[in-house]
N, C-alpha and C. Protein backbone atom coordinates (compact mmCIF):
# COMPACT_ATOMS: atom_id res chain seq x y z
N UNK A 1 0.83 -1.17 -0.01
CA UNK A 1 0.00 0.03 0.00
C UNK A 1 0.88 1.23 0.03
N UNK A 2 0.66 2.15 -0.87
CA UNK A 2 1.41 3.34 -0.97
C UNK A 2 0.88 4.46 -0.08
N UNK A 3 1.81 5.11 0.63
CA UNK A 3 1.41 6.19 1.52
C UNK A 3 1.09 7.49 0.69
N UNK A 4 0.10 8.20 1.12
CA UNK A 4 -0.29 9.44 0.40
C UNK A 4 0.65 10.52 0.81
N UNK A 5 1.27 10.51 1.98
CA UNK A 5 2.20 11.52 2.46
C UNK A 5 3.09 11.02 3.52
N UNK A 6 4.25 11.59 3.58
CA UNK A 6 5.20 11.32 4.67
C UNK A 6 5.00 12.16 5.83
N UNK A 7 4.08 13.14 5.69
CA UNK A 7 3.82 14.18 6.80
C UNK A 7 2.48 13.93 7.48
N UNK A 8 2.20 12.70 7.78
CA UNK A 8 0.87 12.36 8.35
C UNK A 8 0.74 12.82 9.81
N UNK A 9 1.88 13.22 10.44
CA UNK A 9 1.94 13.68 11.75
C UNK A 9 2.68 15.05 11.68
N UNK A 10 2.22 16.05 12.44
CA UNK A 10 2.93 17.41 12.34
C UNK A 10 4.35 17.23 12.68
N UNK A 11 5.17 17.74 11.89
CA UNK A 11 6.64 17.64 12.10
C UNK A 11 7.12 18.75 13.01
N UNK A 12 6.43 19.90 12.98
CA UNK A 12 6.86 21.06 13.73
C UNK A 12 5.65 21.62 14.49
N UNK A 13 5.59 21.59 15.82
CA UNK A 13 4.62 22.24 16.64
C UNK A 13 5.25 23.43 17.29
N UNK A 14 4.57 24.51 17.31
CA UNK A 14 5.12 25.73 17.86
C UNK A 14 4.10 26.62 18.64
N UNK A 15 4.56 27.45 19.43
CA UNK A 15 3.73 28.41 20.14
C UNK A 15 4.51 29.74 20.35
N UNK A 16 3.81 30.79 20.48
CA UNK A 16 4.34 32.10 20.65
C UNK A 16 3.50 32.91 21.59
N UNK A 17 4.14 33.41 22.66
CA UNK A 17 3.35 34.15 23.60
C UNK A 17 3.86 35.61 23.60
N UNK A 18 2.99 36.54 23.92
CA UNK A 18 3.31 37.98 23.99
C UNK A 18 2.66 38.58 25.21
N UNK A 19 3.45 39.37 25.92
CA UNK A 19 2.96 40.04 27.10
C UNK A 19 3.44 41.44 27.06
N UNK A 20 2.53 42.37 26.85
CA UNK A 20 2.87 43.76 26.73
C UNK A 20 2.09 44.60 27.75
N UNK A 21 2.73 45.62 28.24
CA UNK A 21 1.89 46.60 29.14
C UNK A 21 2.48 48.02 28.76
N UNK A 22 1.53 48.91 28.78
CA UNK A 22 1.82 50.37 28.54
C UNK A 22 0.86 51.22 29.36
N UNK A 23 1.39 51.91 30.24
CA UNK A 23 0.61 52.83 31.11
C UNK A 23 -0.41 51.95 31.79
N UNK A 24 -1.69 52.18 31.57
CA UNK A 24 -2.73 51.41 32.28
C UNK A 24 -3.21 50.15 31.44
N UNK A 25 -2.59 49.93 30.28
CA UNK A 25 -3.12 48.90 29.35
C UNK A 25 -2.22 47.65 29.56
N UNK A 26 -2.78 46.49 29.40
CA UNK A 26 -2.09 45.21 29.40
C UNK A 26 -2.61 44.33 28.34
N UNK A 27 -1.70 43.65 27.58
CA UNK A 27 -2.10 42.76 26.48
C UNK A 27 -1.31 41.45 26.61
N UNK A 28 -2.02 40.38 26.66
CA UNK A 28 -1.42 39.02 26.57
C UNK A 28 -2.07 38.25 25.55
N UNK A 29 -1.27 37.52 24.77
CA UNK A 29 -1.77 36.70 23.68
C UNK A 29 -0.91 35.47 23.55
N UNK A 30 -1.47 34.43 22.99
CA UNK A 30 -0.80 33.22 22.70
C UNK A 30 -1.25 32.67 21.39
N UNK A 31 -0.30 32.38 20.50
CA UNK A 31 -0.54 31.77 19.21
C UNK A 31 0.10 30.36 19.27
N UNK A 32 -0.63 29.46 18.57
CA UNK A 32 -0.12 28.06 18.51
C UNK A 32 -0.34 27.53 17.11
N UNK A 33 0.51 26.65 16.69
CA UNK A 33 0.34 26.15 15.28
C UNK A 33 1.21 24.87 15.01
N UNK A 34 1.02 24.38 13.72
CA UNK A 34 1.83 23.30 13.34
C UNK A 34 2.20 23.54 11.84
N UNK A 35 3.34 22.97 11.48
CA UNK A 35 3.71 23.06 10.02
C UNK A 35 4.15 21.61 9.59
N UNK A 36 4.45 21.51 8.35
CA UNK A 36 4.95 20.22 7.73
C UNK A 36 3.96 19.12 8.15
N UNK A 37 2.66 19.29 7.71
CA UNK A 37 1.63 18.32 8.12
C UNK A 37 0.66 18.26 7.02
N UNK A 38 0.34 17.01 6.56
CA UNK A 38 -0.65 16.80 5.54
C UNK A 38 -1.79 16.00 6.13
N UNK A 39 -2.99 16.36 5.77
CA UNK A 39 -4.20 15.73 6.24
C UNK A 39 -5.07 15.25 5.05
N UNK A 40 -5.73 14.15 5.27
CA UNK A 40 -6.71 13.73 4.31
C UNK A 40 -8.10 14.15 4.89
N UNK A 41 -8.85 14.90 4.09
CA UNK A 41 -10.17 15.35 4.49
C UNK A 41 -11.03 14.09 4.71
N UNK A 42 -11.71 14.08 5.83
CA UNK A 42 -12.48 12.89 6.16
C UNK A 42 -13.78 13.21 6.97
N UNK A 43 -14.61 12.27 7.10
CA UNK A 43 -15.72 12.38 8.04
C UNK A 43 -15.67 11.29 8.99
N UNK A 44 -16.73 11.11 9.83
CA UNK A 44 -16.74 10.08 10.88
C UNK A 44 -16.63 8.71 10.26
N UNK A 45 -16.94 8.50 9.00
CA UNK A 45 -16.93 7.18 8.47
C UNK A 45 -15.59 6.76 7.81
N UNK A 46 -14.74 7.75 7.66
CA UNK A 46 -13.43 7.51 7.06
C UNK A 46 -12.98 8.47 6.08
N UNK A 47 -11.89 8.20 5.36
CA UNK A 47 -11.33 9.19 4.45
C UNK A 47 -12.25 9.50 3.30
N UNK A 48 -12.08 10.69 2.75
CA UNK A 48 -12.93 11.14 1.68
C UNK A 48 -14.19 11.68 2.32
N UNK A 49 -15.15 12.16 1.47
CA UNK A 49 -16.31 12.79 2.02
C UNK A 49 -17.55 11.89 1.51
N UNK A 50 -17.91 10.92 2.35
CA UNK A 50 -19.06 10.15 1.99
C UNK A 50 -20.28 11.10 2.03
N UNK A 51 -21.20 10.83 1.07
CA UNK A 51 -22.35 11.65 0.93
C UNK A 51 -23.60 10.84 1.04
N UNK A 52 -24.50 11.25 1.90
CA UNK A 52 -25.77 10.54 2.15
C UNK A 52 -26.85 11.47 1.80
N UNK A 53 -27.86 11.03 1.02
CA UNK A 53 -28.94 11.89 0.78
C UNK A 53 -29.15 12.24 -0.68
N UNK A 54 -28.26 11.82 -1.55
CA UNK A 54 -28.45 12.06 -2.97
C UNK A 54 -28.13 13.51 -3.39
N UNK A 55 -28.26 13.80 -4.64
CA UNK A 55 -27.92 15.09 -5.11
C UNK A 55 -29.00 16.12 -4.86
N UNK A 56 -30.21 15.68 -4.48
CA UNK A 56 -31.30 16.64 -4.16
C UNK A 56 -31.11 17.26 -2.81
N UNK A 57 -30.72 16.47 -1.81
CA UNK A 57 -30.52 16.92 -0.42
C UNK A 57 -29.15 16.58 0.04
N UNK A 58 -28.17 17.38 -0.35
CA UNK A 58 -26.77 17.06 0.00
C UNK A 58 -26.56 17.11 1.54
N UNK A 59 -25.84 16.17 2.02
CA UNK A 59 -25.49 16.10 3.46
C UNK A 59 -24.45 17.07 3.84
N UNK A 60 -23.48 17.35 3.04
CA UNK A 60 -22.45 18.31 3.28
C UNK A 60 -22.60 19.50 2.33
N UNK A 61 -22.36 20.72 2.77
CA UNK A 61 -22.48 21.87 1.85
C UNK A 61 -21.60 21.80 0.63
N UNK A 62 -20.48 21.11 0.70
CA UNK A 62 -19.63 21.12 -0.52
C UNK A 62 -20.29 20.48 -1.68
N UNK A 63 -21.26 19.63 -1.34
CA UNK A 63 -21.90 18.88 -2.51
C UNK A 63 -23.01 19.71 -3.09
N UNK A 64 -23.23 20.84 -2.60
CA UNK A 64 -24.39 21.70 -3.18
C UNK A 64 -23.99 22.37 -4.46
N UNK A 65 -22.67 22.46 -4.77
CA UNK A 65 -22.32 23.20 -5.93
C UNK A 65 -20.99 22.62 -6.48
N UNK A 66 -20.88 22.76 -7.84
CA UNK A 66 -19.63 22.44 -8.52
C UNK A 66 -19.22 20.93 -8.37
N UNK A 67 -20.22 20.09 -8.59
CA UNK A 67 -19.94 18.64 -8.48
C UNK A 67 -20.02 17.97 -9.87
N UNK A 68 -19.34 16.81 -10.07
CA UNK A 68 -19.37 16.18 -11.34
C UNK A 68 -20.68 15.73 -11.78
N UNK A 69 -21.02 15.99 -12.93
CA UNK A 69 -22.24 15.44 -13.60
C UNK A 69 -21.78 15.17 -15.05
N UNK A 70 -22.50 14.44 -15.82
CA UNK A 70 -22.12 14.20 -17.18
C UNK A 70 -21.99 15.61 -18.00
N UNK A 71 -22.77 16.57 -17.52
CA UNK A 71 -22.82 17.91 -18.17
C UNK A 71 -21.67 18.78 -17.62
N UNK A 72 -21.10 18.46 -16.50
CA UNK A 72 -20.02 19.26 -15.85
C UNK A 72 -18.88 18.39 -15.51
N UNK A 73 -18.12 17.77 -16.47
CA UNK A 73 -17.12 16.87 -16.21
C UNK A 73 -15.85 17.44 -15.56
N UNK A 74 -15.70 18.81 -15.67
CA UNK A 74 -14.57 19.50 -15.12
C UNK A 74 -14.85 20.10 -13.78
N UNK A 75 -15.85 19.64 -13.02
CA UNK A 75 -16.23 20.18 -11.74
C UNK A 75 -15.11 19.99 -10.75
N UNK A 76 -15.27 20.73 -9.63
CA UNK A 76 -14.25 20.69 -8.59
C UNK A 76 -14.33 19.36 -7.73
N UNK A 77 -15.53 18.92 -7.51
CA UNK A 77 -15.66 17.78 -6.60
C UNK A 77 -16.28 16.55 -7.34
N UNK A 78 -16.04 15.32 -6.81
CA UNK A 78 -16.67 14.18 -7.43
C UNK A 78 -18.12 14.19 -7.34
N UNK A 79 -18.80 13.31 -8.06
CA UNK A 79 -20.29 13.24 -7.94
C UNK A 79 -20.69 12.91 -6.53
N UNK A 80 -21.81 13.44 -6.09
CA UNK A 80 -22.29 13.11 -4.76
C UNK A 80 -22.58 11.69 -4.48
N UNK A 81 -23.29 11.08 -5.40
CA UNK A 81 -23.62 9.66 -5.26
C UNK A 81 -23.28 8.90 -6.49
N UNK A 82 -22.46 7.93 -6.28
CA UNK A 82 -22.03 7.08 -7.42
C UNK A 82 -22.59 5.65 -7.22
N UNK A 83 -22.20 4.68 -7.99
CA UNK A 83 -22.64 3.32 -7.84
C UNK A 83 -21.82 2.66 -6.73
N UNK A 84 -20.74 3.26 -6.26
CA UNK A 84 -19.98 2.74 -5.15
C UNK A 84 -19.21 3.84 -4.50
N UNK A 85 -18.58 3.56 -3.31
CA UNK A 85 -17.91 4.63 -2.57
C UNK A 85 -16.82 5.31 -3.42
N UNK A 86 -16.07 4.56 -4.20
CA UNK A 86 -15.01 5.16 -4.96
C UNK A 86 -15.50 6.20 -5.97
N UNK A 87 -16.63 5.89 -6.60
CA UNK A 87 -17.19 6.85 -7.52
C UNK A 87 -17.78 8.13 -6.80
N UNK A 88 -18.01 7.95 -5.59
CA UNK A 88 -18.53 9.16 -4.77
C UNK A 88 -17.41 9.90 -4.11
N UNK A 89 -16.14 9.58 -4.38
CA UNK A 89 -15.04 10.29 -3.80
C UNK A 89 -14.76 9.92 -2.37
N UNK A 90 -15.10 8.76 -1.93
CA UNK A 90 -15.11 8.36 -0.51
C UNK A 90 -13.98 7.43 -0.16
N UNK A 91 -12.82 7.61 -0.66
CA UNK A 91 -11.65 6.82 -0.33
C UNK A 91 -10.47 7.74 -0.15
N UNK A 92 -9.43 7.24 0.58
CA UNK A 92 -8.24 8.02 0.82
C UNK A 92 -7.45 8.15 -0.51
N UNK A 93 -7.57 9.23 -1.14
CA UNK A 93 -6.79 9.55 -2.26
C UNK A 93 -6.15 10.92 -2.14
N UNK A 94 -5.16 11.22 -2.98
CA UNK A 94 -4.50 12.56 -2.88
C UNK A 94 -5.48 13.69 -3.32
N UNK A 95 -6.62 13.39 -3.88
CA UNK A 95 -7.56 14.43 -4.17
C UNK A 95 -8.06 15.17 -2.87
N UNK A 96 -8.22 14.38 -1.76
CA UNK A 96 -8.61 14.87 -0.56
C UNK A 96 -7.50 15.38 0.37
N UNK A 97 -6.29 15.30 -0.07
CA UNK A 97 -5.16 15.70 0.73
C UNK A 97 -5.04 17.17 0.75
N UNK A 98 -4.82 17.69 1.98
CA UNK A 98 -4.66 19.16 2.16
C UNK A 98 -3.55 19.39 3.17
N UNK A 99 -2.93 20.51 3.08
CA UNK A 99 -1.93 20.98 4.10
C UNK A 99 -2.67 21.14 5.41
N UNK A 100 -2.21 20.51 6.45
CA UNK A 100 -2.85 20.70 7.76
C UNK A 100 -2.22 21.80 8.58
N UNK A 101 -1.23 22.48 7.99
CA UNK A 101 -0.61 23.58 8.72
C UNK A 101 -1.52 24.68 9.10
N UNK A 102 -1.30 25.24 10.30
CA UNK A 102 -2.16 26.36 10.77
C UNK A 102 -1.45 27.18 11.75
N UNK A 103 -1.96 28.36 11.91
CA UNK A 103 -1.56 29.29 13.03
C UNK A 103 -2.86 29.73 13.73
N UNK A 104 -3.00 29.50 14.98
CA UNK A 104 -4.32 29.84 15.66
C UNK A 104 -4.00 30.85 16.83
N UNK A 105 -4.84 31.84 16.97
CA UNK A 105 -4.78 32.69 18.13
C UNK A 105 -5.56 31.99 19.19
N UNK A 106 -4.90 31.33 20.08
CA UNK A 106 -5.52 30.61 21.20
C UNK A 106 -6.07 31.44 22.26
N UNK A 107 -5.42 32.58 22.55
CA UNK A 107 -5.82 33.38 23.69
C UNK A 107 -5.52 34.82 23.41
N UNK A 108 -6.42 35.70 23.79
CA UNK A 108 -6.15 37.16 23.75
C UNK A 108 -6.72 37.72 25.02
N UNK A 109 -6.02 38.48 25.82
CA UNK A 109 -6.49 39.16 26.97
C UNK A 109 -6.05 40.56 26.94
N UNK A 110 -7.04 41.46 26.96
CA UNK A 110 -6.76 42.89 26.93
C UNK A 110 -7.37 43.54 28.17
N UNK A 111 -6.56 44.21 28.94
CA UNK A 111 -7.05 44.79 30.17
C UNK A 111 -6.67 46.26 30.29
N UNK A 112 -7.57 46.94 31.02
CA UNK A 112 -7.35 48.35 31.31
C UNK A 112 -7.48 48.56 32.78
N UNK A 113 -6.45 49.06 33.44
CA UNK A 113 -6.48 49.31 34.91
C UNK A 113 -6.94 50.74 35.10
N UNK A 114 -7.96 50.94 35.90
CA UNK A 114 -8.44 52.26 36.15
C UNK A 114 -7.39 53.03 36.99
N UNK A 115 -7.24 54.37 36.73
CA UNK A 115 -6.25 55.09 37.45
C UNK A 115 -6.46 55.00 38.96
N UNK A 116 -5.28 54.88 39.67
CA UNK A 116 -5.30 54.77 41.09
C UNK A 116 -6.12 55.84 41.84
N UNK A 117 -6.03 57.03 41.27
CA UNK A 117 -6.74 58.22 41.85
C UNK A 117 -8.25 58.08 41.83
N UNK A 118 -8.74 57.33 40.82
CA UNK A 118 -10.22 57.10 40.66
C UNK A 118 -10.65 56.03 41.74
N UNK A 119 -9.90 54.90 41.73
CA UNK A 119 -10.31 53.80 42.60
C UNK A 119 -10.12 54.05 44.06
N UNK A 120 -9.23 54.89 44.43
CA UNK A 120 -9.05 55.25 45.83
C UNK A 120 -10.22 56.08 46.40
N UNK A 121 -10.79 56.92 45.51
CA UNK A 121 -11.84 57.74 46.00
C UNK A 121 -13.11 56.93 46.32
N UNK A 122 -13.22 55.68 45.78
CA UNK A 122 -14.38 54.84 46.11
C UNK A 122 -13.96 53.66 47.02
N UNK A 123 -12.76 53.73 47.60
CA UNK A 123 -12.37 52.81 48.60
C UNK A 123 -11.84 51.47 48.10
N UNK A 124 -11.28 51.43 46.87
CA UNK A 124 -10.83 50.26 46.30
C UNK A 124 -9.24 50.31 46.23
N UNK A 125 -8.68 49.13 46.20
CA UNK A 125 -7.16 49.06 46.05
C UNK A 125 -6.81 49.14 44.60
N UNK A 126 -7.58 48.42 43.75
CA UNK A 126 -7.33 48.44 42.29
C UNK A 126 -8.60 47.93 41.56
N UNK A 127 -8.68 48.30 40.31
CA UNK A 127 -9.79 47.86 39.48
C UNK A 127 -9.33 47.77 38.03
N UNK A 128 -9.55 46.67 37.41
CA UNK A 128 -9.19 46.45 35.98
C UNK A 128 -10.41 45.94 35.22
N UNK A 129 -10.65 46.50 34.11
CA UNK A 129 -11.65 45.99 33.15
C UNK A 129 -10.88 45.17 32.13
N UNK A 130 -11.51 44.10 31.71
CA UNK A 130 -10.80 43.25 30.78
C UNK A 130 -11.66 42.55 29.76
N UNK A 131 -11.12 42.15 28.65
CA UNK A 131 -11.70 41.33 27.65
C UNK A 131 -10.83 40.09 27.41
N UNK A 132 -11.41 38.91 27.38
CA UNK A 132 -10.61 37.74 27.15
C UNK A 132 -11.35 36.93 26.07
N UNK A 133 -10.59 36.40 25.09
CA UNK A 133 -11.12 35.59 24.02
C UNK A 133 -10.19 34.38 23.77
N UNK A 134 -10.82 33.19 23.47
CA UNK A 134 -10.03 32.02 23.13
C UNK A 134 -10.44 31.50 21.77
N UNK A 135 -9.51 30.93 21.08
CA UNK A 135 -9.76 30.31 19.76
C UNK A 135 -10.39 31.35 18.84
N UNK A 136 -9.86 32.52 18.76
CA UNK A 136 -10.45 33.59 17.98
C UNK A 136 -10.41 33.45 16.48
N UNK A 137 -9.29 32.97 16.01
CA UNK A 137 -9.19 32.71 14.59
C UNK A 137 -8.08 31.73 14.26
N UNK A 138 -8.10 31.15 13.10
CA UNK A 138 -7.06 30.36 12.60
C UNK A 138 -6.73 30.68 11.17
N UNK A 139 -5.48 30.65 10.77
CA UNK A 139 -5.05 30.89 9.48
C UNK A 139 -4.58 29.53 8.94
N UNK A 140 -5.23 29.06 7.97
CA UNK A 140 -4.93 27.71 7.43
C UNK A 140 -5.41 27.53 5.99
N UNK A 141 -4.69 26.80 5.15
CA UNK A 141 -5.23 26.49 3.80
C UNK A 141 -6.34 25.49 3.86
N UNK A 142 -6.65 24.94 5.04
CA UNK A 142 -7.64 23.81 5.09
C UNK A 142 -8.99 24.41 5.45
N UNK A 143 -9.23 25.64 5.54
CA UNK A 143 -10.55 26.24 5.94
C UNK A 143 -11.73 25.96 4.95
N UNK A 144 -11.45 25.37 3.81
CA UNK A 144 -12.46 25.04 2.90
C UNK A 144 -13.45 23.98 3.50
N UNK A 145 -12.88 23.09 4.32
CA UNK A 145 -13.67 21.98 4.82
C UNK A 145 -13.97 22.12 6.32
N UNK A 146 -13.05 22.29 7.10
CA UNK A 146 -13.26 22.40 8.57
C UNK A 146 -12.09 23.04 9.23
N UNK A 147 -12.26 23.21 10.50
CA UNK A 147 -11.20 23.77 11.41
C UNK A 147 -10.08 22.85 11.32
N UNK A 148 -8.77 23.35 11.20
CA UNK A 148 -7.61 22.58 11.10
C UNK A 148 -7.34 21.59 12.31
N UNK A 149 -7.88 21.98 13.45
CA UNK A 149 -7.73 21.14 14.64
C UNK A 149 -8.89 20.08 14.80
N UNK A 150 -9.87 20.16 13.98
CA UNK A 150 -10.96 19.17 14.02
C UNK A 150 -10.39 17.84 13.51
N UNK A 151 -10.91 16.77 14.06
CA UNK A 151 -10.47 15.45 13.59
C UNK A 151 -11.06 15.19 12.23
N UNK A 152 -12.42 15.42 12.13
CA UNK A 152 -13.18 15.17 10.92
C UNK A 152 -14.00 16.36 10.61
N UNK A 153 -14.59 16.33 9.36
CA UNK A 153 -15.53 17.38 8.91
C UNK A 153 -16.73 17.50 9.77
N UNK A 154 -17.21 16.33 10.30
CA UNK A 154 -18.37 16.34 11.08
C UNK A 154 -18.17 16.23 12.58
N UNK A 155 -16.95 16.60 13.04
CA UNK A 155 -16.63 16.69 14.44
C UNK A 155 -17.15 17.98 15.03
N UNK A 156 -17.24 17.98 16.30
CA UNK A 156 -17.66 19.28 16.93
C UNK A 156 -16.50 20.26 16.78
N UNK A 157 -16.78 21.47 16.33
CA UNK A 157 -15.70 22.43 16.17
C UNK A 157 -15.15 22.94 17.50
N UNK A 158 -13.98 23.53 17.45
CA UNK A 158 -13.48 24.17 18.62
C UNK A 158 -14.24 25.40 18.93
N UNK A 159 -14.62 25.60 20.10
CA UNK A 159 -15.52 26.69 20.47
C UNK A 159 -14.75 27.96 20.79
N UNK A 160 -15.28 29.07 20.29
CA UNK A 160 -14.72 30.40 20.65
C UNK A 160 -15.31 30.85 21.96
N UNK A 161 -14.70 31.46 22.82
CA UNK A 161 -15.23 32.05 23.93
C UNK A 161 -14.85 33.51 24.08
N UNK A 162 -15.78 34.29 24.63
CA UNK A 162 -15.53 35.66 24.87
C UNK A 162 -16.02 35.98 26.28
N UNK A 163 -15.18 36.69 27.01
CA UNK A 163 -15.50 37.10 28.37
C UNK A 163 -15.10 38.56 28.60
N UNK A 164 -16.02 39.27 29.17
CA UNK A 164 -15.81 40.66 29.59
C UNK A 164 -15.99 40.65 31.07
N UNK A 165 -15.08 41.33 31.68
CA UNK A 165 -15.21 41.30 33.20
C UNK A 165 -14.43 42.41 33.90
N UNK A 166 -14.48 42.40 35.18
CA UNK A 166 -13.73 43.34 36.04
C UNK A 166 -13.13 42.64 37.13
N UNK A 167 -11.84 43.06 37.46
CA UNK A 167 -11.10 42.55 38.56
C UNK A 167 -10.96 43.59 39.56
N UNK A 168 -11.81 43.56 40.65
CA UNK A 168 -11.89 44.65 41.61
C UNK A 168 -11.33 44.15 42.98
N UNK A 169 -10.46 44.89 43.55
CA UNK A 169 -9.77 44.49 44.77
C UNK A 169 -10.02 45.61 45.84
N UNK A 170 -10.35 45.12 47.02
CA UNK A 170 -10.67 46.03 48.15
C UNK A 170 -9.44 46.19 49.00
């Protein structure tokens, strides 16, 4: 059996953190990613994109447009439903191979500390307003199908979180 790629596991994993402060502002962020990584687009059933439901009710959005028919032989994707899995594009072939490399902003924290003169007048030691976000975006050539950290097309995606708050100390 021939391998589709020698990069089936990420060869390089990396992270980059940044911690800046200026006057009353503070910024922390963390980026994470991988390079030298090839992935086969797949769903829960295996490699390729198995399609259930026929050409009238496509299961995955990619099947809704630009698929092979006798009238469109140069379409981008294989036909949704063939007489077997291979004709439907549902096997591990280099057609479904994509670069799995990505760069993701895993965390962003932006804070503003209220001036000491303000917080002292109301009996506080300190007060900071902040915004925190996780998994805000990913840069990847794989975004056509799913999040680069998802196992399969029909896996649950990584959730983004947003938090606004205050850190008040007496």
